[in-house]
PDB file of all heavy atoms in Angstrom:
ATOM      1  N   GLU A   1      29.554 -72.748  -1.515  1.00  0.00           N
ATOM      2  CA  GLU A   1      29.221 -74.108  -1.676  1.00  0.00           C
ATOM      3  C   GLU A   1      28.665 -74.686  -0.419  1.00  0.00           C
ATOM      4  O   GLU A   1      29.352 -74.743   0.586  1.00  0.00           O
ATOM      5  CB  GLU A   1      30.479 -74.917  -2.115  1.00  0.00           C
ATOM      6  CG  GLU A   1      31.092 -74.506  -3.413  1.00  0.00           C
ATOM      7  CD  GLU A   1      32.334 -75.235  -3.687  1.00  0.00           C
ATOM      8  OE1 GLU A   1      32.552 -76.335  -3.183  1.00  0.00           O
ATOM      9  OE2 GLU A   1      33.185 -74.668  -4.437  1.00  0.00           O
ATOM     10  N   ASN A   2      27.403 -75.084  -0.428  1.00  0.00           N
ATOM     11  CA  ASN A   2      26.682 -75.733   0.711  1.00  0.00           C
ATOM     12  C   ASN A   2      26.856 -74.942   2.009  1.00  0.00           C
ATOM     13  O   ASN A   2      27.170 -75.486   3.071  1.00  0.00           O
ATOM     14  CB  ASN A   2      27.211 -77.123   0.849  1.00  0.00           C
ATOM     15  CG  ASN A   2      27.000 -77.956  -0.382  1.00  0.00           C
ATOM     16  OD1 ASN A   2      25.937 -77.883  -1.040  1.00  0.00           O
ATOM     17  ND2 ASN A   2      28.026 -78.689  -0.790  1.00  0.00           N
ATOM     18  N   VAL A   3      26.681 -73.634   2.006  1.00  0.00           N
ATOM     19  CA  VAL A   3      26.887 -72.775   3.123  1.00  0.00           C
ATOM     20  C   VAL A   3      25.591 -72.796   4.004  1.00  0.00           C
ATOM     21  O   VAL A   3      24.459 -72.643   3.536  1.00  0.00           O
ATOM     22  CB  VAL A   3      27.199 -71.315   2.643  1.00  0.00           C
ATOM     23  CG1 VAL A   3      27.253 -70.371   3.793  1.00  0.00           C
ATOM     24  CG2 VAL A   3      28.480 -71.289   1.852  1.00  0.00           C
ATOM     25  N   THR A   4      25.813 -72.935   5.318  1.00  0.00           N
ATOM     26  CA  THR A   4      24.738 -72.980   6.255  1.00  0.00           C
ATOM     27  C   THR A   4      25.105 -72.161   7.437  1.00  0.00           C
ATOM     28  O   THR A   4      26.295 -72.126   7.906  1.00  0.00           O
ATOM     29  CB  THR A   4      24.506 -74.412   6.767  1.00  0.00           C
ATOM     30  OG1 THR A   4      24.043 -75.198   5.641  1.00  0.00           O
ATOM     31  CG2 THR A   4      23.402 -74.449   7.851  1.00  0.00           C
ATOM     32  N   LEU A   5      24.165 -71.334   7.942  1.00  0.00           N
ATOM     33  CA  LEU A   5      24.399 -70.526   9.152  1.00  0.00           C
ATOM     34  C   LEU A   5      23.201 -70.583  10.049  1.00  0.00           C
ATOM     35  O   LEU A   5      22.038 -70.431   9.526  1.00  0.00           O
ATOM     36  CB  LEU A   5      24.680 -69.063   8.760  1.00  0.00           C
ATOM     37  CG  LEU A   5      24.943 -68.161   9.958  1.00  0.00           C
ATOM     38  CD1 LEU A   5      26.224 -68.485  10.660  1.00  0.00           C
ATOM     39  CD2 LEU A   5      24.951 -66.664   9.576  1.00  0.00           C
ATOM     40  N   LYS A   6      23.395 -70.901  11.328  1.00  0.00           N
ATOM     41  CA  LYS A   6      22.304 -70.951  12.272  1.00  0.00           C
ATOM     42  C   LYS A   6      22.546 -69.960  13.401  1.00  0.00           C
ATOM     43  O   LYS A   6      23.656 -69.707  13.792  1.00  0.00           O
ATOM     44  CB  LYS A   6      22.233 -72.345  12.890  1.00  0.00           C
ATOM     45  CG  LYS A   6      21.889 -73.424  11.847  1.00  0.00           C
ATOM     46  CD  LYS A   6      21.825 -74.780  12.464  1.00  0.00           C
ATOM     47  CE  LYS A   6      21.472 -75.831  11.434  1.00  0.00           C
ATOM     48  NZ  LYS A   6      21.247 -77.122  12.014  1.00  0.00           N
ATOM     49  N   PHE A   7      21.442 -69.361  13.878  1.00  0.00           N
ATOM     50  CA  PHE A   7      21.485 -68.492  15.046  1.00  0.00           C
ATOM     51  C   PHE A   7      20.717 -69.208  16.131  1.00  0.00           C
ATOM     52  O   PHE A   7      19.474 -69.224  16.141  1.00  0.00           O
ATOM     53  CB  PHE A   7      20.828 -67.117  14.760  1.00  0.00           C
ATOM     54  CG  PHE A   7      21.549 -66.315  13.745  1.00  0.00           C
ATOM     55  CD1 PHE A   7      21.078 -66.123  12.500  1.00  0.00           C
ATOM     56  CD2 PHE A   7      22.768 -65.728  14.073  1.00  0.00           C
ATOM     57  CE1 PHE A   7      21.746 -65.356  11.544  1.00  0.00           C
ATOM     58  CE2 PHE A   7      23.439 -64.955  13.133  1.00  0.00           C
ATOM     59  CZ  PHE A   7      22.924 -64.778  11.910  1.00  0.00           C
ATOM     60  N   GLY A   8      21.404 -69.882  17.041  1.00  0.00           N
ATOM     61  CA  GLY A   8      20.706 -70.750  18.018  1.00  0.00           C
ATOM     62  C   GLY A   8      19.956 -71.871  17.336  1.00  0.00           C
ATOM     63  O   GLY A   8      20.554 -72.608  16.542  1.00  0.00           O
ATOM     64  N   GLY A   9      18.682 -71.917  17.551  1.00  0.00           N
ATOM     65  CA  GLY A   9      17.867 -72.934  16.893  1.00  0.00           C
ATOM     66  C   GLY A   9      17.244 -72.585  15.621  1.00  0.00           C
ATOM     67  O   GLY A   9      16.542 -73.346  15.027  1.00  0.00           O
ATOM     68  N   VAL A  10      17.555 -71.370  15.120  1.00  0.00           N
ATOM     69  CA  VAL A  10      16.990 -70.851  13.835  1.00  0.00           C
ATOM     70  C   VAL A  10      18.033 -70.958  12.780  1.00  0.00           C
ATOM     71  O   VAL A  10      19.126 -70.414  12.854  1.00  0.00           O
ATOM     72  CB  VAL A  10      16.514 -69.411  14.049  1.00  0.00           C
ATOM     73  CG1 VAL A  10      15.989 -68.857  12.654  1.00  0.00           C
ATOM     74  CG2 VAL A  10      15.519 -69.248  15.108  1.00  0.00           C
ATOM     75  N   THR A  11      17.653 -71.629  11.665  1.00  0.00           N
ATOM     76  CA  THR A  11      18.510 -71.738  10.509  1.00  0.00           C
ATOM     77  C   THR A  11      18.242 -70.557   9.600  1.00  0.00           C
ATOM     78  O   THR A  11      17.155 -70.483   9.033  1.00  0.00           O
ATOM     79  CB  THR A  11      18.284 -73.084   9.784  1.00  0.00           C
ATOM     80  OG1 THR A  11      18.450 -74.157  10.679  1.00  0.00           O
ATOM     81  CG2 THR A  11      19.275 -73.175   8.581  1.00  0.00           C
ATOM     82  N   ALA A  12      19.252 -69.659   9.493  1.00  0.00           N
ATOM     83  CA  ALA A  12      19.044 -68.461   8.662  1.00  0.00           C
ATOM     84  C   ALA A  12      19.325 -68.749   7.184  1.00  0.00           C
ATOM     85  O   ALA A  12      18.633 -68.226   6.325  1.00  0.00           O
ATOM     86  CB  ALA A  12      19.943 -67.359   9.163  1.00  0.00           C
ATOM     87  N   VAL A  13      20.346 -69.533   6.851  1.00  0.00           N
ATOM     88  CA  VAL A  13      20.701 -69.972   5.547  1.00  0.00           C
ATOM     89  C   VAL A  13      20.980 -71.446   5.601  1.00  0.00           C
ATOM     90  O   VAL A  13      21.817 -71.882   6.421  1.00  0.00           O
ATOM     91  CB  VAL A  13      21.907 -69.129   5.009  1.00  0.00           C
ATOM     92  CG1 VAL A  13      22.315 -69.621   3.658  1.00  0.00           C
ATOM     93  CG2 VAL A  13      21.624 -67.690   5.001  1.00  0.00           C
ATOM     94  N   ASN A  14      20.426 -72.192   4.665  1.00  0.00           N
ATOM     95  CA  ASN A  14      20.585 -73.662   4.736  1.00  0.00           C
ATOM     96  C   ASN A  14      21.092 -74.180   3.425  1.00  0.00           C
ATOM     97  O   ASN A  14      20.336 -74.110   2.380  1.00  0.00           O
ATOM     98  CB  ASN A  14      19.255 -74.321   5.130  1.00  0.00           C
ATOM     99  CG  ASN A  14      19.406 -75.776   5.391  1.00  0.00           C
ATOM    100  OD1 ASN A  14      20.488 -76.276   5.770  1.00  0.00           O
ATOM    101  ND2 ASN A  14      18.354 -76.568   5.229  1.00  0.00           N
ATOM    102  N   ASN A  15      22.328 -74.660   3.390  1.00  0.00           N
ATOM    103  CA  ASN A  15      22.872 -75.374   2.277  1.00  0.00           C
ATOM    104  C   ASN A  15      22.792 -74.555   0.960  1.00  0.00           C
ATOM    105  O   ASN A  15      22.431 -75.066  -0.090  1.00  0.00           O
ATOM    106  CB  ASN A  15      22.064 -76.714   2.099  1.00  0.00           C
ATOM    107  CG  ASN A  15      22.978 -77.788   1.518  1.00  0.00           C
ATOM    108  OD1 ASN A  15      24.145 -77.800   1.605  1.00  0.00           O
ATOM    109  ND2 ASN A  15      22.366 -78.716   0.806  1.00  0.00           N
ATOM    110  N   LEU A  16      23.213 -73.325   1.011  1.00  0.00           N
ATOM    111  CA  LEU A  16      23.178 -72.424  -0.162  1.00  0.00           C
ATOM    112  C   LEU A  16      24.410 -72.661  -1.006  1.00  0.00           C
ATOM    113  O   LEU A  16      25.561 -72.666  -0.525  1.00  0.00           O
ATOM    114  CB  LEU A  16      23.133 -70.974   0.306  1.00  0.00           C
ATOM    115  CG  LEU A  16      23.265 -69.917  -0.840  1.00  0.00           C
ATOM    116  CD1 LEU A  16      22.047 -69.911  -1.693  1.00  0.00           C
ATOM    117  CD2 LEU A  16      23.505 -68.520  -0.215  1.00  0.00           C
ATOM    118  N   SER A  17      24.216 -72.816  -2.301  1.00  0.00           N
ATOM    119  CA  SER A  17      25.334 -72.898  -3.259  1.00  0.00           C
ATOM    120  C   SER A  17      25.037 -71.884  -4.419  1.00  0.00           C
ATOM    121  O   SER A  17      23.907 -71.886  -4.908  1.00  0.00           O
ATOM    122  CB  SER A  17      25.474 -74.314  -3.810  1.00  0.00           C
ATOM    123  OG  SER A  17      25.854 -75.179  -2.849  1.00  0.00           O
ATOM    124  N   LEU A  18      26.070 -71.121  -4.817  1.00  0.00           N
ATOM    125  CA  LEU A  18      25.960 -70.274  -5.911  1.00  0.00           C
ATOM    126  C   LEU A  18      27.318 -69.915  -6.394  1.00  0.00           C
ATOM    127  O   LEU A  18      28.310 -70.050  -5.722  1.00  0.00           O
ATOM    128  CB  LEU A  18      25.138 -68.946  -5.622  1.00  0.00           C
ATOM    129  CG  LEU A  18      25.645 -68.024  -4.551  1.00  0.00           C
ATOM    130  CD1 LEU A  18      26.613 -66.980  -5.167  1.00  0.00           C
ATOM    131  CD2 LEU A  18      24.497 -67.293  -3.946  1.00  0.00           C
ATOM    132  N   SER A  19      27.404 -69.533  -7.657  1.00  0.00           N
ATOM    133  CA  SER A  19      28.683 -69.086  -8.210  1.00  0.00           C
ATOM    134  C   SER A  19      28.463 -67.906  -9.155  1.00  0.00           C
ATOM    135  O   SER A  19      27.453 -67.864  -9.867  1.00  0.00           O
ATOM    136  CB  SER A  19      29.407 -70.240  -8.933  1.00  0.00           C
ATOM    137  OG  SER A  19      28.682 -70.640 -10.008  1.00  0.00           O
ATOM    138  N   ILE A  20      29.330 -66.937  -9.124  1.00  0.00           N
ATOM    139  CA  ILE A  20      29.233 -65.763  -9.939  1.00  0.00           C
ATOM    140  C   ILE A  20      30.552 -65.609 -10.713  1.00  0.00           C
ATOM    141  O   ILE A  20      31.636 -65.584 -10.106  1.00  0.00           O
ATOM    142  CB  ILE A  20      29.057 -64.515  -9.001  1.00  0.00           C
ATOM    143  CG1 ILE A  20      27.799 -64.695  -8.134  1.00  0.00           C
ATOM    144  CG2 ILE A  20      28.940 -63.251  -9.879  1.00  0.00           C
ATOM    145  CD1 ILE A  20      27.604 -63.679  -7.071  1.00  0.00           C
ATOM    146  N   ASN A  21      30.437 -65.546 -12.001  1.00  0.00           N
ATOM    147  CA  ASN A  21      31.582 -65.366 -12.867  1.00  0.00           C
ATOM    148  C   ASN A  21      31.962 -63.912 -13.085  1.00  0.00           C
ATOM    149  O   ASN A  21      31.077 -63.024 -12.898  1.00  0.00           O
ATOM    150  CB  ASN A  21      31.340 -66.017 -14.200  1.00  0.00           C
ATOM    151  CG  ASN A  21      31.108 -67.521 -14.064  1.00  0.00           C
ATOM    152  OD1 ASN A  21      31.825 -68.189 -13.391  1.00  0.00           O
ATOM    153  ND2 ASN A  21      30.087 -68.066 -14.747  1.00  0.00           N
ATOM    154  N   GLU A  22      33.180 -63.693 -13.424  1.00  0.00           N
ATOM    155  CA  GLU A  22      33.677 -62.336 -13.666  1.00  0.00           C
ATOM    156  C   GLU A  22      32.825 -61.700 -14.767  1.00  0.00           C
ATOM    157  O   GLU A  22      32.504 -62.263 -15.776  1.00  0.00           O
ATOM    158  CB  GLU A  22      35.123 -62.317 -14.042  1.00  0.00           C
ATOM    159  CG  GLU A  22      35.758 -60.949 -14.141  1.00  0.00           C
ATOM    160  CD  GLU A  22      37.206 -60.968 -14.311  1.00  0.00           C
ATOM    161  OE1 GLU A  22      37.831 -62.026 -14.218  1.00  0.00           O
ATOM    162  OE2 GLU A  22      37.746 -59.909 -14.586  1.00  0.00           O
ATOM    163  N   GLY A  23      32.393 -60.446 -14.557  1.00  0.00           N
ATOM    164  CA  GLY A  23      31.601 -59.715 -15.539  1.00  0.00           C
ATOM    165  C   GLY A  23      30.095 -59.905 -15.408  1.00  0.00           C
ATOM    166  O   GLY A  23      29.338 -59.218 -16.122  1.00  0.00           O
ATOM    167  N   GLU A  24      29.663 -60.867 -14.617  1.00  0.00           N
ATOM    168  CA  GLU A  24      28.195 -61.068 -14.446  1.00  0.00           C
ATOM    169  C   GLU A  24      27.646 -60.068 -13.501  1.00  0.00           C
ATOM    170  O   GLU A  24      28.289 -59.602 -12.555  1.00  0.00           O
ATOM    171  CB  GLU A  24      27.978 -62.455 -13.860  1.00  0.00           C
ATOM    172  CG  GLU A  24      28.117 -63.582 -14.821  1.00  0.00           C
ATOM    173  CD  GLU A  24      27.684 -64.925 -14.201  1.00  0.00           C
ATOM    174  OE1 GLU A  24      27.983 -65.197 -13.056  1.00  0.00           O
ATOM    175  OE2 GLU A  24      27.043 -65.737 -14.950  1.00  0.00           O
ATOM    176  N   VAL A  25      26.352 -59.783 -13.714  1.00  0.00           N
ATOM    177  CA  VAL A  25      25.574 -58.951 -12.795  1.00  0.00           C
ATOM    178  C   VAL A  25      24.690 -59.949 -12.046  1.00  0.00           C
ATOM    179  O   VAL A  25      24.004 -60.726 -12.705  1.00  0.00           O
ATOM    180  CB  VAL A  25      24.779 -57.900 -13.558  1.00  0.00           C
ATOM    181  CG1 VAL A  25      23.869 -57.119 -12.611  1.00  0.00           C
ATOM    182  CG2 VAL A  25      25.665 -56.944 -14.319  1.00  0.00           C
ATOM    183  N   PHE A  26      24.701 -59.875 -10.716  1.00  0.00           N
ATOM    184  CA  PHE A  26      23.989 -60.873  -9.996  1.00  0.00           C
ATOM    185  C   PHE A  26      23.133 -60.136  -8.915  1.00  0.00           C
ATOM    186  O   PHE A  26      23.592 -59.196  -8.349  1.00  0.00           O
ATOM    187  CB  PHE A  26      24.999 -61.738  -9.266  1.00  0.00           C
ATOM    188  CG  PHE A  26      24.411 -62.921  -8.562  1.00  0.00           C
ATOM    189  CD1 PHE A  26      24.180 -64.104  -9.240  1.00  0.00           C
ATOM    190  CD2 PHE A  26      24.116 -62.829  -7.216  1.00  0.00           C
ATOM    191  CE1 PHE A  26      23.627 -65.170  -8.562  1.00  0.00           C
ATOM    192  CE2 PHE A  26      23.555 -63.950  -6.547  1.00  0.00           C
ATOM    193  CZ  PHE A  26      23.358 -65.105  -7.219  1.00  0.00           C
ATOM    194  N   ALA A  27      21.923 -60.648  -8.695  1.00  0.00           N
ATOM    195  CA  ALA A  27      21.031 -60.088  -7.655  1.00  0.00           C
ATOM    196  C   ALA A  27      20.540 -61.220  -6.818  1.00  0.00           C
ATOM    197  O   ALA A  27      20.263 -62.315  -7.242  1.00  0.00           O
ATOM    198  CB  ALA A  27      19.805 -59.413  -8.325  1.00  0.00           C
ATOM    199  N   LEU A  28      20.435 -60.919  -5.512  1.00  0.00           N
ATOM    200  CA  LEU A  28      19.885 -61.816  -4.544  1.00  0.00           C
ATOM    201  C   LEU A  28      18.623 -61.206  -4.027  1.00  0.00           C
ATOM    202  O   LEU A  28      18.645 -60.186  -3.345  1.00  0.00           O
ATOM    203  CB  LEU A  28      20.904 -62.069  -3.414  1.00  0.00           C
ATOM    204  CG  LEU A  28      20.653 -63.115  -2.404  1.00  0.00           C
ATOM    205  CD1 LEU A  28      20.555 -64.537  -3.071  1.00  0.00           C
ATOM    206  CD2 LEU A  28      21.738 -63.168  -1.344  1.00  0.00           C
ATOM    207  N   VAL A  29      17.460 -61.849  -4.429  1.00  0.00           N
ATOM    208  CA  VAL A  29      16.210 -61.264  -4.079  1.00  0.00           C
ATOM    209  C   VAL A  29      15.376 -62.242  -3.202  1.00  0.00           C
ATOM    210  O   VAL A  29      15.564 -63.437  -3.268  1.00  0.00           O
ATOM    211  CB  VAL A  29      15.373 -60.893  -5.293  1.00  0.00           C
ATOM    212  CG1 VAL A  29      16.092 -59.766  -6.118  1.00  0.00           C
ATOM    213  CG2 VAL A  29      15.136 -62.072  -6.169  1.00  0.00           C
ATOM    214  N   GLY A  30      14.492 -61.665  -2.450  1.00  0.00           N
ATOM    215  CA  GLY A  30      13.599 -62.516  -1.614  1.00  0.00           C
ATOM    216  C   GLY A  30      12.860 -61.613  -0.612  1.00  0.00           C
ATOM    217  O   GLY A  30      13.173 -60.451  -0.418  1.00  0.00           O
ATOM    218  N   PRO A  31      11.918 -62.184   0.090  1.00  0.00           N
ATOM    219  CA  PRO A  31      11.140 -61.440   1.113  1.00  0.00           C
ATOM    220  C   PRO A  31      11.958 -61.185   2.309  1.00  0.00           C
ATOM    221  O   PRO A  31      13.001 -61.727   2.516  1.00  0.00           O
ATOM    222  CB  PRO A  31       9.913 -62.353   1.416  1.00  0.00           C
ATOM    223  CG  PRO A  31      10.472 -63.759   1.107  1.00  0.00           C
ATOM    224  CD  PRO A  31      11.401 -63.570  -0.020  1.00  0.00           C
ATOM    225  N   ASN A  32      11.453 -60.302   3.186  1.00  0.00           N
ATOM    226  CA  ASN A  32      12.063 -59.986   4.486  1.00  0.00           C
ATOM    227  C   ASN A  32      12.296 -61.290   5.227  1.00  0.00           C
ATOM    228  O   ASN A  32      11.414 -62.182   5.220  1.00  0.00           O
ATOM    229  CB  ASN A  32      11.192 -59.081   5.309  1.00  0.00           C
ATOM    230  CG  ASN A  32      11.105 -57.718   4.729  1.00  0.00           C
ATOM    231  OD1 ASN A  32      11.911 -57.333   3.896  1.00  0.00           O
ATOM    232  ND2 ASN A  32      10.139 -56.913   5.212  1.00  0.00           N
ATOM    233  N   GLY A  33      13.448 -61.461   5.810  1.00  0.00           N
ATOM    234  CA  GLY A  33      13.735 -62.644   6.587  1.00  0.00           C
ATOM    235  C   GLY A  33      14.189 -63.839   5.747  1.00  0.00           C
ATOM    236  O   GLY A  33      14.341 -64.925   6.337  1.00  0.00           O
ATOM    237  N   ALA A  34      14.451 -63.624   4.489  1.00  0.00           N
ATOM    238  CA  ALA A  34      14.838 -64.739   3.644  1.00  0.00           C
ATOM    239  C   ALA A  34      16.391 -65.080   3.799  1.00  0.00           C
ATOM    240  O   ALA A  34      16.788 -66.132   3.316  1.00  0.00           O
ATOM    241  CB  ALA A  34      14.528 -64.464   2.187  1.00  0.00           C
ATOM    242  N   GLY A  35      17.177 -64.184   4.367  1.00  0.00           N
ATOM    243  CA  GLY A  35      18.547 -64.442   4.546  1.00  0.00           C
ATOM    244  C   GLY A  35      19.501 -63.722   3.618  1.00  0.00           C
ATOM    245  O   GLY A  35      20.720 -63.987   3.557  1.00  0.00           O
ATOM    246  N   LYS A  36      18.970 -62.747   2.887  1.00  0.00           N
ATOM    247  CA  LYS A  36      19.837 -61.972   1.977  1.00  0.00           C
ATOM    248  C   LYS A  36      20.981 -61.240   2.651  1.00  0.00           C
ATOM    249  O   LYS A  36      22.117 -61.383   2.250  1.00  0.00           O
ATOM    250  CB  LYS A  36      19.013 -60.960   1.195  1.00  0.00           C
ATOM    251  CG  LYS A  36      17.852 -61.571   0.386  1.00  0.00           C
ATOM    252  CD  LYS A  36      16.939 -60.523  -0.261  1.00  0.00           C
ATOM    253  CE  LYS A  36      16.337 -59.554   0.678  1.00  0.00           C
ATOM    254  NZ  LYS A  36      15.259 -60.151   1.503  1.00  0.00           N
ATOM    255  N   SER A  37      20.678 -60.503   3.709  1.00  0.00           N
ATOM    256  CA  SER A  37      21.754 -59.814   4.417  1.00  0.00           C
ATOM    257  C   SER A  37      22.632 -60.770   5.119  1.00  0.00           C
ATOM    258  O   SER A  37      23.868 -60.523   5.205  1.00  0.00           O
ATOM    259  CB  SER A  37      21.081 -58.877   5.533  1.00  0.00           C
ATOM    260  OG  SER A  37      20.339 -57.897   4.868  1.00  0.00           O
ATOM    261  N   THR A  38      22.132 -61.920   5.581  1.00  0.00           N
ATOM    262  CA  THR A  38      22.993 -62.922   6.209  1.00  0.00           C
ATOM    263  C   THR A  38      24.004 -63.472   5.219  1.00  0.00           C
ATOM    264  O   THR A  38      25.149 -63.665   5.562  1.00  0.00           O
ATOM    265  CB  THR A  38      22.132 -64.017   6.820  1.00  0.00           C
ATOM    266  OG1 THR A  38      21.214 -63.500   7.742  1.00  0.00           O
ATOM    267  CG2 THR A  38      22.961 -65.084   7.464  1.00  0.00           C
ATOM    268  N   VAL A  39      23.585 -63.681   3.977  1.00  0.00           N
ATOM    269  CA  VAL A  39      24.510 -64.138   2.939  1.00  0.00           C
ATOM    270  C   VAL A  39      25.633 -63.140   2.722  1.00  0.00           C
ATOM    271  O   VAL A  39      26.816 -63.441   2.679  1.00  0.00           O
ATOM    272  CB  VAL A  39      23.773 -64.503   1.647  1.00  0.00           C
ATOM    273  CG1 VAL A  39      24.752 -64.728   0.503  1.00  0.00           C
ATOM    274  CG2 VAL A  39      22.867 -65.663   1.830  1.00  0.00           C
ATOM    275  N   PHE A  40      25.219 -61.830   2.567  1.00  0.00           N
ATOM    276  CA  PHE A  40      26.222 -60.774   2.438  1.00  0.00           C
ATOM    277  C   PHE A  40      27.186 -60.750   3.582  1.00  0.00           C
ATOM    278  O   PHE A  40      28.381 -60.602   3.417  1.00  0.00           O
ATOM    279  CB  PHE A  40      25.514 -59.392   2.248  1.00  0.00           C
ATOM    280  CG  PHE A  40      26.457 -58.267   2.104  1.00  0.00           C
ATOM    281  CD1 PHE A  40      27.094 -58.027   0.910  1.00  0.00           C
ATOM    282  CD2 PHE A  40      26.735 -57.481   3.205  1.00  0.00           C
ATOM    283  CE1 PHE A  40      28.011 -56.954   0.773  1.00  0.00           C
ATOM    284  CE2 PHE A  40      27.630 -56.393   3.110  1.00  0.00           C
ATOM    285  CZ  PHE A  40      28.225 -56.169   1.890  1.00  0.00           C
ATOM    286  N   ASN A  41      26.660 -60.887   4.806  1.00  0.00           N
ATOM    287  CA  ASN A  41      27.542 -60.817   6.007  1.00  0.00           C
ATOM    288  C   ASN A  41      28.451 -62.046   6.079  1.00  0.00           C
ATOM    289  O   ASN A  41      29.497 -61.957   6.631  1.00  0.00           O
ATOM    290  CB  ASN A  41      26.637 -60.720   7.288  1.00  0.00           C
ATOM    291  CG  ASN A  41      26.052 -59.353   7.436  1.00  0.00           C
ATOM    292  OD1 ASN A  41      26.695 -58.338   7.038  1.00  0.00           O
ATOM    293  ND2 ASN A  41      24.910 -59.226   7.995  1.00  0.00           N
ATOM    294  N   MET A  42      28.104 -63.170   5.551  1.00  0.00           N
ATOM    295  CA  MET A  42      28.960 -64.298   5.492  1.00  0.00           C
ATOM    296  C   MET A  42      30.098 -64.117   4.450  1.00  0.00           C
ATOM    297  O   MET A  42      31.248 -64.393   4.722  1.00  0.00           O
ATOM    298  CB  MET A  42      28.232 -65.613   5.159  1.00  0.00           C
ATOM    299  CG  MET A  42      27.419 -66.136   6.355  1.00  0.00           C
ATOM    300  SD  MET A  42      26.772 -67.799   6.024  1.00  0.00           S
ATOM    301  CE  MET A  42      25.576 -67.486   4.760  1.00  0.00           C
ATOM    302  N   ILE A  43      29.745 -63.505   3.296  1.00  0.00           N
ATOM    303  CA  ILE A  43      30.739 -63.252   2.296  1.00  0.00           C
ATOM    304  C   ILE A  43      31.761 -62.181   2.829  1.00  0.00           C
ATOM    305  O   ILE A  43      32.981 -62.318   2.613  1.00  0.00           O
ATOM    306  CB  ILE A  43      30.077 -62.723   0.973  1.00  0.00           C
ATOM    307  CG1 ILE A  43      29.254 -63.832   0.391  1.00  0.00           C
ATOM    308  CG2 ILE A  43      31.150 -62.195   0.004  1.00  0.00           C
ATOM    309  CD1 ILE A  43      28.337 -63.345  -0.768  1.00  0.00           C
ATOM    310  N   SER A  44      31.257 -61.185   3.537  1.00  0.00           N
ATOM    311  CA  SER A  44      32.159 -60.184   4.086  1.00  0.00           C
ATOM    312  C   SER A  44      32.843 -60.585   5.348  1.00  0.00           C
ATOM    313  O   SER A  44      33.629 -59.831   5.884  1.00  0.00           O
ATOM    314  CB  SER A  44      31.328 -58.857   4.299  1.00  0.00           C
ATOM    315  OG  SER A  44      30.408 -59.067   5.335  1.00  0.00           O
ATOM    316  N   ARG A  45      32.543 -61.810   5.857  1.00  0.00           N
ATOM    317  CA  ARG A  45      33.215 -62.365   7.002  1.00  0.00           C
ATOM    318  C   ARG A  45      32.691 -61.793   8.373  1.00  0.00           C
ATOM    319  O   ARG A  45      33.382 -61.934   9.352  1.00  0.00           O
ATOM    320  CB  ARG A  45      34.726 -62.296   6.902  1.00  0.00           C
ATOM    321  CG  ARG A  45      35.286 -63.141   5.765  1.00  0.00           C
ATOM    322  CD  ARG A  45      35.125 -64.616   5.881  1.00  0.00           C
ATOM    323  NE  ARG A  45      36.011 -65.063   6.963  1.00  0.00           N
ATOM    324  CZ  ARG A  45      35.548 -65.753   8.073  1.00  0.00           C
ATOM    325  NH1 ARG A  45      34.296 -66.099   8.157  1.00  0.00           N
ATOM    326  NH2 ARG A  45      36.366 -66.103   8.989  1.00  0.00           N
ATOM    327  N   PHE A  46      31.582 -61.097   8.360  1.00  0.00           N
ATOM    328  CA  PHE A  46      30.997 -60.622   9.604  1.00  0.00           C
ATOM    329  C   PHE A  46      30.437 -61.804  10.379  1.00  0.00           C
ATOM    330  O   PHE A  46      30.510 -61.855  11.586  1.00  0.00           O
ATOM    331  CB  PHE A  46      29.914 -59.611   9.304  1.00  0.00           C
ATOM    332  CG  PHE A  46      29.373 -58.947  10.498  1.00  0.00           C
ATOM    333  CD1 PHE A  46      30.143 -57.964  11.135  1.00  0.00           C
ATOM    334  CD2 PHE A  46      28.132 -59.219  11.026  1.00  0.00           C
ATOM    335  CE1 PHE A  46      29.642 -57.325  12.319  1.00  0.00           C
ATOM    336  CE2 PHE A  46      27.644 -58.600  12.140  1.00  0.00           C
ATOM    337  CZ  PHE A  46      28.387 -57.651  12.818  1.00  0.00           C
TER     338      PHE A  46
END
């Protein structure tokens, strides 16, 4: 819910909200540098 992460002056993820229900298949897609790995690293608490 409304997740934001910045690296210095660069905003990697800005105000992201999503929800995944049990049993759903979910994909996060986008070009290089879109923040996909950053979202995964926030979920995993890195």
